[in-house]
Amino acid sequence: MGNLLTNKLEQVVRLTYLNTITTKNNSVVLVEYPKSGGTWLGQLVSEYLDIPFPRNEFPVMKKSLMHGHYLPKHIGKNNKVIYLVRDGRDVLISFYHHQLVWNDKNKKEVHNVNYHRKEVGFTDYENVQKNILSYMKYSYEHKLSKMRRFVFPGNWQEYNSIWLKVAQNNPKVYIVRYEDLLEDAERTLENLIKDFFNKTDIDKERLKAVVQKFSFENQTKRTKGEESTKSFLRKGIKGDWKNYFQEEEKAAFKEYAGDLLIQLGYENNNDW
């Protein structure tokens, strides 16, 4: 409870900060559902624009790129928002590892891992294939306490449905797809800088260097697809869900979030 209370207090401070100082210094807010690639995109944008990217501390009165899993109601009306989305099926696989399998990031959040391990209803956490259906049910149906819900955005379908509705036809919100970053990070970053920050004079060499600096290969010393379950940067690919979903898992996900997959353009219909 102590760690959770600390997290809540930190969140209150962040939300207060977002709705006061950042609205006056032209800071930018990057939002995502957890495990959608927000840290990577934040590194790319902040490095190219040369603005701070505070991750565990607040800047003081200086324009920054603020990153979090905030909902629209949490963010000041004057903030520019980059909204990052990722295929919810891949998010599910990635979040399974983050919540249940020890890695270099969640070791610092022991209370969260222990909480989820206690609640999911199984103990052989390394067997993702066997447990992914149970975990999916847990992710979409588990009722969080009011305090936990305060510091956590809910499930993938809820979170992205809210943001998608706000983002449509809103010039202050720019949507980026994680899969586009994977396919062509240089082009995706260039489009973002041009279209959202109105910077037409793009330094191509600088852009290329930024992308290279924060590439999966450069940060992990592994190739994309080479998995390390002990790393926060586990695999770095799209479509990993296909290695875990059978027909039963597909049917369940369609019930939970199939319509949103279509809305976001990940599928044309439910015949996948």
C-alpha atoms as a PDB file:
ATOM      1  CA  MET A   1       0.000   0.000   0.000  1.00  0.00           C
ATOM      2  CA  GLY A   2       2.863   2.342   0.799  1.00  0.00           C
ATOM      3  CA  ASN A   3       4.338   2.118  -2.710  1.00  0.00           C
ATOM      4  CA  LEU A   4       0.920   2.558  -4.275  1.00  0.00           C
ATOM      5  CA  LEU A   5       0.245   5.627  -2.170  1.00  0.00           C
ATOM      6  CA  THR A   6       3.603   7.043  -3.216  1.00  0.00           C
ATOM      7  CA  ASN A   7       2.705   6.441  -6.858  1.00  0.00           C
ATOM      8  CA  LYS A   8      -0.601   8.224  -6.362  1.00  0.00           C
ATOM      9  CA  LEU A   9       1.071  11.222  -4.789  1.00  0.00           C
ATOM     10  CA  GLU A  10       3.597  11.338  -7.642  1.00  0.00           C
ATOM     11  CA  GLN A  11       0.735  11.197 -10.129  1.00  0.00           C
ATOM     12  CA  VAL A  12      -1.068  14.060  -8.395  1.00  0.00           C
ATOM     13  CA  VAL A  13       2.081  16.162  -8.619  1.00  0.00           C
ATOM     14  CA  ARG A  14       2.504  15.297 -12.302  1.00  0.00           C
ATOM     15  CA  LEU A  15      -1.093  16.147 -13.146  1.00  0.00           C
ATOM     16  CA  THR A  16      -0.819  19.446 -11.305  1.00  0.00           C
ATOM     17  CA  TYR A  17       2.365  20.179 -13.217  1.00  0.00           C
ATOM     18  CA  LEU A  18       0.748  19.268 -16.545  1.00  0.00           C
ATOM     19  CA  ASN A  19      -2.128  21.639 -15.943  1.00  0.00           C
ATOM     20  CA  THR A  20      -0.056  24.617 -14.821  1.00  0.00           C
ATOM     21  CA  ILE A  21       3.577  25.058 -15.829  1.00  0.00           C
ATOM     22  CA  THR A  22       3.570  22.955 -19.009  1.00  0.00           C
ATOM     23  CA  THR A  23       0.597  24.841 -20.447  1.00  0.00           C
ATOM     24  CA  LYS A  24       2.568  28.088 -20.177  1.00  0.00           C
ATOM     25  CA  ASN A  25       6.010  27.005 -21.409  1.00  0.00           C
ATOM     26  CA  ASN A  26       4.780  25.228 -24.579  1.00  0.00           C
ATOM     27  CA  SER A  27       5.732  21.778 -23.369  1.00  0.00           C
ATOM     28  CA  VAL A  28       4.572  18.790 -25.392  1.00  0.00           C
ATOM     29  CA  VAL A  29       2.852  15.749 -23.886  1.00  0.00           C
ATOM     30  CA  LEU A  30       3.405  12.251 -25.290  1.00  0.00           C
ATOM     31  CA  VAL A  31       0.682   9.782 -24.291  1.00  0.00           C
ATOM     32  CA  GLU A  32       0.390   6.044 -24.851  1.00  0.00           C
ATOM     33  CA  TYR A  33      -1.108   2.944 -23.349  1.00  0.00           C
ATOM     34  CA  PRO A  34       1.747   1.135 -21.541  1.00  0.00           C
ATOM     35  CA  LYS A  35       4.114  -0.900 -23.738  1.00  0.00           C
ATOM     36  CA  SER A  36       3.272   0.977 -26.931  1.00  0.00           C
ATOM     37  CA  GLY A  37       6.765   2.380 -27.567  1.00  0.00           C
ATOM     38  CA  GLY A  38       6.465   5.745 -25.844  1.00  0.00           C
ATOM     39  CA  THR A  39       9.985   5.820 -24.426  1.00  0.00           C
ATOM     40  CA  TRP A  40      11.460   5.248 -27.882  1.00  0.00           C
ATOM     41  CA  LEU A  41       9.350   7.923 -29.557  1.00  0.00           C
ATOM     42  CA  GLY A  42      10.083  10.331 -26.707  1.00  0.00           C
ATOM     43  CA  GLN A  43      13.816   9.815 -27.170  1.00  0.00           C
ATOM     44  CA  LEU A  44      13.553  10.475 -30.909  1.00  0.00           C
ATOM     45  CA  VAL A  45      11.475  13.637 -30.646  1.00  0.00           C
ATOM     46  CA  SER A  46      13.325  15.198 -27.717  1.00  0.00           C
ATOM     47  CA  GLU A  47      16.734  14.497 -29.227  1.00  0.00           C
ATOM     48  CA  TYR A  48      15.871  15.990 -32.609  1.00  0.00           C
ATOM     49  CA  LEU A  49      14.121  19.041 -31.146  1.00  0.00           C
ATOM     50  CA  ASP A  50      16.770  19.367 -28.425  1.00  0.00           C
ATOM     51  CA  ILE A  51      14.317  19.648 -25.543  1.00  0.00           C
ATOM     52  CA  PRO A  52      14.462  17.804 -22.197  1.00  0.00           C
ATOM     53  CA  PHE A  53      12.759  14.431 -21.851  1.00  0.00           C
ATOM     54  CA  PRO A  54      12.387  13.980 -18.069  1.00  0.00           C
ATOM     55  CA  ARG A  55      11.402  10.438 -17.170  1.00  0.00           C
ATOM     56  CA  ASN A  56      11.651  10.233 -13.398  1.00  0.00           C
ATOM     57  CA  GLU A  57      11.975  13.874 -12.453  1.00  0.00           C
ATOM     58  CA  PHE A  58      10.345  17.166 -13.355  1.00  0.00           C
ATOM     59  CA  PRO A  59      12.067  19.984 -15.234  1.00  0.00           C
ATOM     60  CA  VAL A  60      11.743  23.448 -13.751  1.00  0.00           C
ATOM     61  CA  MET A  61       9.958  26.080 -15.828  1.00  0.00           C
ATOM     62  CA  LYS A  62      11.486  24.821 -19.080  1.00  0.00           C
ATOM     63  CA  LYS A  63       9.838  23.543 -22.241  1.00  0.00           C
ATOM     64  CA  SER A  64      10.024  19.737 -22.184  1.00  0.00           C
ATOM     65  CA  LEU A  65       8.558  16.575 -23.628  1.00  0.00           C
ATOM     66  CA  MET A  66       6.401  15.029 -20.914  1.00  0.00           C
ATOM     67  CA  HIS A  67       5.604  11.335 -21.301  1.00  0.00           C
ATOM     68  CA  GLY A  68       2.942   9.314 -19.529  1.00  0.00           C
ATOM     69  CA  HIS A  69      -0.198   7.193 -19.736  1.00  0.00           C
ATOM     70  CA  TYR A  70      -2.483  10.137 -19.141  1.00  0.00           C
ATOM     71  CA  LEU A  71      -6.092  10.443 -20.227  1.00  0.00           C
ATOM     72  CA  PRO A  72      -7.411  13.596 -21.963  1.00  0.00           C
ATOM     73  CA  LYS A  73      -9.002  14.821 -18.747  1.00  0.00           C
ATOM     74  CA  HIS A  74      -5.567  14.911 -17.111  1.00  0.00           C
ATOM     75  CA  ILE A  75      -3.942  17.233 -19.617  1.00  0.00           C
ATOM     76  CA  GLY A  76      -4.053  21.023 -19.874  1.00  0.00           C
ATOM     77  CA  LYS A  77      -6.080  22.413 -22.771  1.00  0.00           C
ATOM     78  CA  ASN A  78      -3.113  24.324 -24.175  1.00  0.00           C
ATOM     79  CA  ASN A  79      -0.800  21.323 -24.459  1.00  0.00           C
ATOM     80  CA  LYS A  80       0.202  19.846 -27.788  1.00  0.00           C
ATOM     81  CA  VAL A  81      -0.236  16.078 -27.531  1.00  0.00           C
ATOM     82  CA  ILE A  82       1.495  13.278 -29.425  1.00  0.00           C
ATOM     83  CA  TYR A  83      -0.723  10.207 -29.150  1.00  0.00           C
ATOM     84  CA  LEU A  84       1.068   6.914 -29.823  1.00  0.00           C
ATOM     85  CA  VAL A  85      -0.876   3.754 -30.642  1.00  0.00           C
ATOM     86  CA  ARG A  86       0.161   0.128 -31.045  1.00  0.00           C
ATOM     87  CA  ASP A  87      -1.661  -3.044 -32.043  1.00  0.00           C
ATOM     88  CA  GLY A  88      -3.439  -4.164 -28.878  1.00  0.00           C
ATOM     89  CA  ARG A  89      -2.599  -7.806 -29.486  1.00  0.00           C
ATOM     90  CA  ASP A  90       1.121  -7.059 -29.381  1.00  0.00           C
ATOM     91  CA  VAL A  91       0.596  -4.782 -26.392  1.00  0.00           C
ATOM     92  CA  LEU A  92      -1.019  -7.712 -24.575  1.00  0.00           C
ATOM     93  CA  ILE A  93       2.019  -9.932 -25.136  1.00  0.00           C
ATOM     94  CA  SER A  94       4.449  -7.208 -24.161  1.00  0.00           C
ATOM     95  CA  PHE A  95       2.450  -6.245 -21.075  1.00  0.00           C
ATOM     96  CA  TYR A  96       2.255  -9.898 -19.980  1.00  0.00           C
ATOM     97  CA  HIS A  97       6.041  -9.952 -19.793  1.00  0.00           C
ATOM     98  CA  HIS A  98       6.186  -6.582 -18.071  1.00  0.00           C
ATOM     99  CA  GLN A  99       3.613  -7.400 -15.401  1.00  0.00           C
ATOM    100  CA  LEU A 100       4.486 -11.031 -14.701  1.00  0.00           C
ATOM    101  CA  VAL A 101       8.078 -11.789 -15.788  1.00  0.00           C
ATOM    102  CA  TRP A 102      10.976 -10.092 -14.031  1.00  0.00           C
ATOM    103  CA  ASN A 103      12.989  -7.695 -16.202  1.00  0.00           C
ATOM    104  CA  ASP A 104      15.433  -4.827 -15.764  1.00  0.00           C
ATOM    105  CA  LYS A 105      12.624  -2.265 -15.437  1.00  0.00           C
ATOM    106  CA  ASN A 106       9.968  -3.900 -13.294  1.00  0.00           C
ATOM    107  CA  LYS A 107      12.507  -5.066 -10.701  1.00  0.00           C
ATOM    108  CA  LYS A 108      12.175  -1.513  -9.405  1.00  0.00           C
ATOM    109  CA  GLU A 109       8.404  -1.969  -9.118  1.00  0.00           C
ATOM    110  CA  VAL A 110       8.264  -5.154  -7.046  1.00  0.00           C
ATOM    111  CA  HIS A 111       4.868  -4.294  -5.569  1.00  0.00           C
ATOM    112  CA  ASN A 112       3.277  -4.148  -9.027  1.00  0.00           C
ATOM    113  CA  VAL A 113       4.662  -7.490 -10.204  1.00  0.00           C
ATOM    114  CA  ASN A 114       3.696  -9.175  -6.950  1.00  0.00           C
ATOM    115  CA  TYR A 115       0.204  -7.693  -7.159  1.00  0.00           C
ATOM    116  CA  HIS A 116      -0.426  -9.007 -10.675  1.00  0.00           C
ATOM    117  CA  ARG A 117       1.085 -12.410  -9.898  1.00  0.00           C
ATOM    118  CA  LYS A 118      -1.277 -12.711  -6.969  1.00  0.00           C
ATOM    119  CA  GLU A 119      -4.349 -11.748  -9.002  1.00  0.00           C
ATOM    120  CA  VAL A 120      -3.986 -13.566 -12.357  1.00  0.00           C
ATOM    121  CA  GLY A 121      -4.894 -17.034 -11.082  1.00  0.00           C
ATOM    122  CA  PHE A 122      -1.867 -19.006 -12.329  1.00  0.00           C
ATOM    123  CA  THR A 123       1.728 -19.408 -11.182  1.00  0.00           C
ATOM    124  CA  ASP A 124       3.710 -20.757 -14.150  1.00  0.00           C
ATOM    125  CA  TYR A 125       4.367 -17.226 -15.417  1.00  0.00           C
ATOM    126  CA  GLU A 126       7.044 -18.205 -17.938  1.00  0.00           C
ATOM    127  CA  ASN A 127       4.517 -20.256 -19.934  1.00  0.00           C
ATOM    128  CA  VAL A 128       3.049 -17.396 -21.968  1.00  0.00           C
ATOM    129  CA  GLN A 129       1.481 -19.664 -24.577  1.00  0.00           C
ATOM    130  CA  LYS A 130      -0.526 -21.545 -21.972  1.00  0.00           C
ATOM    131  CA  ASN A 131      -1.595 -18.534 -19.956  1.00  0.00           C
ATOM    132  CA  ILE A 132      -2.209 -15.766 -22.467  1.00  0.00           C
ATOM    133  CA  LEU A 133      -5.967 -16.389 -22.635  1.00  0.00           C
ATOM    134  CA  SER A 134      -6.288 -16.215 -18.851  1.00  0.00           C
ATOM    135  CA  TYR A 135      -4.139 -13.106 -18.820  1.00  0.00           C
ATOM    136  CA  MET A 136      -6.292 -11.503 -21.522  1.00  0.00           C
ATOM    137  CA  LYS A 137      -9.373 -12.087 -19.403  1.00  0.00           C
ATOM    138  CA  TYR A 138      -7.541 -10.619 -16.411  1.00  0.00           C
ATOM    139  CA  SER A 139      -6.445  -7.558 -18.406  1.00  0.00           C
ATOM    140  CA  TYR A 140      -9.937  -6.750 -19.641  1.00  0.00           C
ATOM    141  CA  GLU A 141     -12.116  -7.843 -16.732  1.00  0.00           C
ATOM    142  CA  HIS A 142     -10.106  -7.374 -13.547  1.00  0.00           C
ATOM    143  CA  LYS A 143     -11.571  -4.600 -11.407  1.00  0.00           C
ATOM    144  CA  LEU A 144      -8.943  -2.271 -10.005  1.00  0.00           C
ATOM    145  CA  SER A 145      -9.299  -0.483  -6.699  1.00  0.00           C
ATOM    146  CA  LYS A 146      -9.945   3.270  -6.888  1.00  0.00           C
ATOM    147  CA  MET A 147      -6.370   3.983  -5.886  1.00  0.00           C
ATOM    148  CA  ARG A 148      -4.886   1.652  -8.503  1.00  0.00           C
ATOM    149  CA  ARG A 149      -7.202   3.005 -11.171  1.00  0.00           C
ATOM    150  CA  PHE A 150      -6.011   6.517 -10.327  1.00  0.00           C
ATOM    151  CA  VAL A 151      -2.437   5.644 -11.311  1.00  0.00           C
ATOM    152  CA  PHE A 152      -3.279   3.199 -14.134  1.00  0.00           C
ATOM    153  CA  PRO A 153      -5.232   3.904 -17.341  1.00  0.00           C
ATOM    154  CA  GLY A 154      -7.429   0.779 -17.427  1.00  0.00           C
ATOM    155  CA  ASN A 155      -7.414  -1.649 -20.337  1.00  0.00           C
ATOM    156  CA  TRP A 156      -6.178  -1.101 -23.908  1.00  0.00           C
ATOM    157  CA  GLN A 157      -9.657  -0.832 -25.401  1.00  0.00           C
ATOM    158  CA  GLU A 158     -10.924   1.713 -22.865  1.00  0.00           C
ATOM    159  CA  TYR A 159      -7.854   3.899 -23.012  1.00  0.00           C
ATOM    160  CA  ASN A 160      -7.513   4.086 -26.779  1.00  0.00           C
ATOM    161  CA  SER A 161     -11.242   4.473 -27.423  1.00  0.00           C
ATOM    162  CA  ILE A 162     -11.204   7.603 -25.273  1.00  0.00           C
ATOM    163  CA  TRP A 163      -8.109   9.038 -26.915  1.00  0.00           C
ATOM    164  CA  LEU A 164      -9.180   8.195 -30.459  1.00  0.00           C
ATOM    165  CA  LYS A 165     -12.419  10.085 -29.992  1.00  0.00           C
ATOM    166  CA  VAL A 166     -10.553  13.148 -28.704  1.00  0.00           C
ATOM    167  CA  ALA A 167      -7.826  12.980 -31.354  1.00  0.00           C
ATOM    168  CA  GLN A 168     -10.108  12.966 -34.401  1.00  0.00           C
ATOM    169  CA  ASN A 169     -10.123  16.364 -36.121  1.00  0.00           C
ATOM    170  CA  ASN A 170      -8.154  17.885 -33.251  1.00  0.00           C
ATOM    171  CA  PRO A 171      -5.157  19.943 -34.463  1.00  0.00           C
ATOM    172  CA  LYS A 172      -3.553  19.770 -31.019  1.00  0.00           C
ATOM    173  CA  VAL A 173      -3.339  15.966 -31.107  1.00  0.00           C
ATOM    174  CA  TYR A 174      -1.058  14.105 -33.518  1.00  0.00           C
ATOM    175  CA  ILE A 175      -1.417  10.331 -33.899  1.00  0.00           C
ATOM    176  CA  VAL A 176       1.651   8.140 -34.450  1.00  0.00           C
ATOM    177  CA  ARG A 177       1.564   4.390 -35.010  1.00  0.00           C
ATOM    178  CA  TYR A 178       4.295   2.308 -33.422  1.00  0.00           C
ATOM    179  CA  GLU A 179       4.298   0.055 -36.457  1.00  0.00           C
ATOM    180  CA  ASP A 180       5.096   3.016 -38.724  1.00  0.00           C
ATOM    181  CA  LEU A 181       8.105   3.782 -36.545  1.00  0.00           C
ATOM    182  CA  LEU A 182       9.262   0.192 -36.893  1.00  0.00           C
ATOM    183  CA  GLU A 183       8.834   0.243 -40.659  1.00  0.00           C
ATOM    184  CA  ASP A 184      10.460   3.618 -41.319  1.00  0.00           C
ATOM    185  CA  ALA A 185      11.465   5.614 -38.253  1.00  0.00           C
ATOM    186  CA  GLU A 186      13.144   8.369 -40.267  1.00  0.00           C
ATOM    187  CA  ARG A 187      10.112   9.083 -42.426  1.00  0.00           C
ATOM    188  CA  THR A 188       7.679   8.840 -39.502  1.00  0.00           C
ATOM    189  CA  LEU A 189       9.749  11.189 -37.348  1.00  0.00           C
ATOM    190  CA  GLU A 190      10.208  13.618 -40.238  1.00  0.00           C
ATOM    191  CA  ASN A 191       6.464  13.748 -40.887  1.00  0.00           C
ATOM    192  CA  LEU A 192       5.814  14.379 -37.202  1.00  0.00           C
ATOM    193  CA  ILE A 193       8.348  17.212 -37.032  1.00  0.00           C
ATOM    194  CA  LYS A 194       7.018  18.805 -40.216  1.00  0.00           C
ATOM    195  CA  ASP A 195       3.299  18.409 -39.690  1.00  0.00           C
ATOM    196  CA  PHE A 196       2.994  18.931 -35.950  1.00  0.00           C
ATOM    197  CA  PHE A 197       5.873  21.279 -35.165  1.00  0.00           C
ATOM    198  CA  ASN A 198       5.753  23.183 -38.464  1.00  0.00           C
ATOM    199  CA  LYS A 199       9.457  22.748 -39.125  1.00  0.00           C
ATOM    200  CA  THR A 200       9.939  22.445 -42.870  1.00  0.00           C
ATOM    201  CA  ASP A 201      13.730  22.737 -42.900  1.00  0.00           C
ATOM    202  CA  ILE A 202      14.573  19.180 -41.832  1.00  0.00           C
ATOM    203  CA  ASP A 203      18.201  18.311 -41.196  1.00  0.00           C
ATOM    204  CA  LYS A 204      18.283  14.872 -42.825  1.00  0.00           C
ATOM    205  CA  GLU A 205      21.674  13.924 -41.460  1.00  0.00           C
ATOM    206  CA  ARG A 206      20.706  14.883 -37.920  1.00  0.00           C
ATOM    207  CA  LEU A 207      17.437  12.975 -38.292  1.00  0.00           C
ATOM    208  CA  LYS A 208      19.283   9.870 -39.461  1.00  0.00           C
ATOM    209  CA  ALA A 209      21.782  10.121 -36.587  1.00  0.00           C
ATOM    210  CA  VAL A 210      18.977  10.453 -34.016  1.00  0.00           C
ATOM    211  CA  VAL A 211      17.184   7.382 -35.359  1.00  0.00           C
ATOM    212  CA  GLN A 212      20.414   5.392 -35.350  1.00  0.00           C
ATOM    213  CA  LYS A 213      21.290   6.469 -31.799  1.00  0.00           C
ATOM    214  CA  PHE A 214      18.001   5.158 -30.402  1.00  0.00           C
ATOM    215  CA  SER A 215      17.545   2.138 -32.642  1.00  0.00           C
ATOM    216  CA  PHE A 216      16.671  -1.183 -31.015  1.00  0.00           C
ATOM    217  CA  GLU A 217      19.943  -2.644 -32.235  1.00  0.00           C
ATOM    218  CA  ASN A 218      22.046   0.199 -30.845  1.00  0.00           C
ATOM    219  CA  GLN A 219      20.330   0.256 -27.457  1.00  0.00           C
ATOM    220  CA  THR A 220      20.196  -3.502 -26.880  1.00  0.00           C
ATOM    221  CA  LYS A 221      23.094  -4.844 -28.988  1.00  0.00           C
ATOM    222  CA  ARG A 222      20.589  -7.358 -30.343  1.00  0.00           C
ATOM    223  CA  THR A 223      18.810  -7.605 -33.685  1.00  0.00           C
ATOM    224  CA  LYS A 224      15.060  -7.015 -33.851  1.00  0.00           C
ATOM    225  CA  GLY A 225      13.239 -10.221 -33.020  1.00  0.00           C
ATOM    226  CA  GLU A 226      16.078 -11.542 -30.852  1.00  0.00           C
ATOM    227  CA  GLU A 227      14.230 -11.828 -27.568  1.00  0.00           C
ATOM    228  CA  SER A 228      15.459 -11.072 -24.079  1.00  0.00           C
ATOM    229  CA  THR A 229      12.714 -11.546 -21.490  1.00  0.00           C
ATOM    230  CA  LYS A 230      14.976  -9.889 -18.919  1.00  0.00           C
ATOM    231  CA  SER A 231      15.060  -6.609 -20.813  1.00  0.00           C
ATOM    232  CA  PHE A 232      12.542  -3.748 -20.912  1.00  0.00           C
ATOM    233  CA  LEU A 233      13.263  -3.701 -24.672  1.00  0.00           C
ATOM    234  CA  ARG A 234      12.235  -7.323 -25.128  1.00  0.00           C
ATOM    235  CA  LYS A 235      11.887  -8.000 -28.848  1.00  0.00           C
ATOM    236  CA  GLY A 236      11.294  -4.861 -30.921  1.00  0.00           C
ATOM    237  CA  ILE A 237       8.985  -6.281 -33.605  1.00  0.00           C
ATOM    238  CA  LYS A 238       5.361  -6.187 -34.691  1.00  0.00           C
ATOM    239  CA  GLY A 239       3.065  -9.188 -35.040  1.00  0.00           C
ATOM    240  CA  ASP A 240       4.506 -11.152 -32.116  1.00  0.00           C
ATOM    241  CA  TRP A 241       0.932 -11.949 -31.034  1.00  0.00           C
ATOM    242  CA  LYS A 242       0.755 -14.486 -33.876  1.00  0.00           C
ATOM    243  CA  ASN A 243       3.214 -16.663 -31.958  1.00  0.00           C
ATOM    244  CA  TYR A 244       0.773 -16.928 -29.035  1.00  0.00           C
ATOM    245  CA  PHE A 245      -2.783 -16.580 -30.341  1.00  0.00           C
ATOM    246  CA  GLN A 246      -4.741 -19.649 -31.385  1.00  0.00           C
ATOM    247  CA  GLU A 247      -8.398 -19.557 -32.457  1.00  0.00           C
ATOM    248  CA  GLU A 248      -9.673 -19.262 -28.890  1.00  0.00           C
ATOM    249  CA  GLU A 249      -7.428 -16.294 -28.148  1.00  0.00           C
ATOM    250  CA  LYS A 250      -8.434 -14.622 -31.412  1.00  0.00           C
ATOM    251  CA  ALA A 251     -12.122 -15.024 -30.654  1.00  0.00           C
ATOM    252  CA  ALA A 252     -11.691 -13.597 -27.155  1.00  0.00           C
ATOM    253  CA  PHE A 253      -9.745 -10.568 -28.337  1.00  0.00           C
ATOM    254  CA  LYS A 254     -12.366  -9.835 -30.986  1.00  0.00           C
ATOM    255  CA  GLU A 255     -14.957  -9.734 -28.218  1.00  0.00           C
ATOM    256  CA  TYR A 256     -12.882  -7.413 -26.059  1.00  0.00           C
ATOM    257  CA  ALA A 257     -11.433  -5.071 -28.651  1.00  0.00           C
ATOM    258  CA  GLY A 258     -12.007  -6.274 -32.212  1.00  0.00           C
ATOM    259  CA  ASP A 259     -13.885  -3.134 -33.254  1.00  0.00           C
ATOM    260  CA  LEU A 260     -11.066  -0.899 -32.062  1.00  0.00           C
ATOM    261  CA  LEU A 261      -8.510  -2.866 -34.086  1.00  0.00           C
ATOM    262  CA  ILE A 262     -10.589  -2.003 -37.137  1.00  0.00           C
ATOM    263  CA  GLN A 263     -10.984   1.654 -36.136  1.00  0.00           C
ATOM    264  CA  LEU A 264      -7.230   1.993 -35.733  1.00  0.00           C
ATOM    265  CA  GLY A 265      -6.589   0.328 -39.083  1.00  0.00           C
ATOM    266  CA  TYR A 266      -4.949  -2.850 -37.845  1.00  0.00           C
ATOM    267  CA  GLU A 267      -7.623  -5.017 -39.456  1.00  0.00           C
ATOM    268  CA  ASN A 268     -10.224  -4.412 -42.155  1.00  0.00           C
ATOM    269  CA  ASN A 269     -12.784  -6.664 -40.505  1.00  0.00           C
ATOM    270  CA  ASN A 270     -13.074  -9.423 -37.899  1.00  0.00           C
ATOM    271  CA  ASP A 271     -12.022 -12.207 -40.274  1.00  0.00           C
ATOM    272  CA  TRP A 272      -8.449 -12.396 -39.050  1.00  0.00           C
END
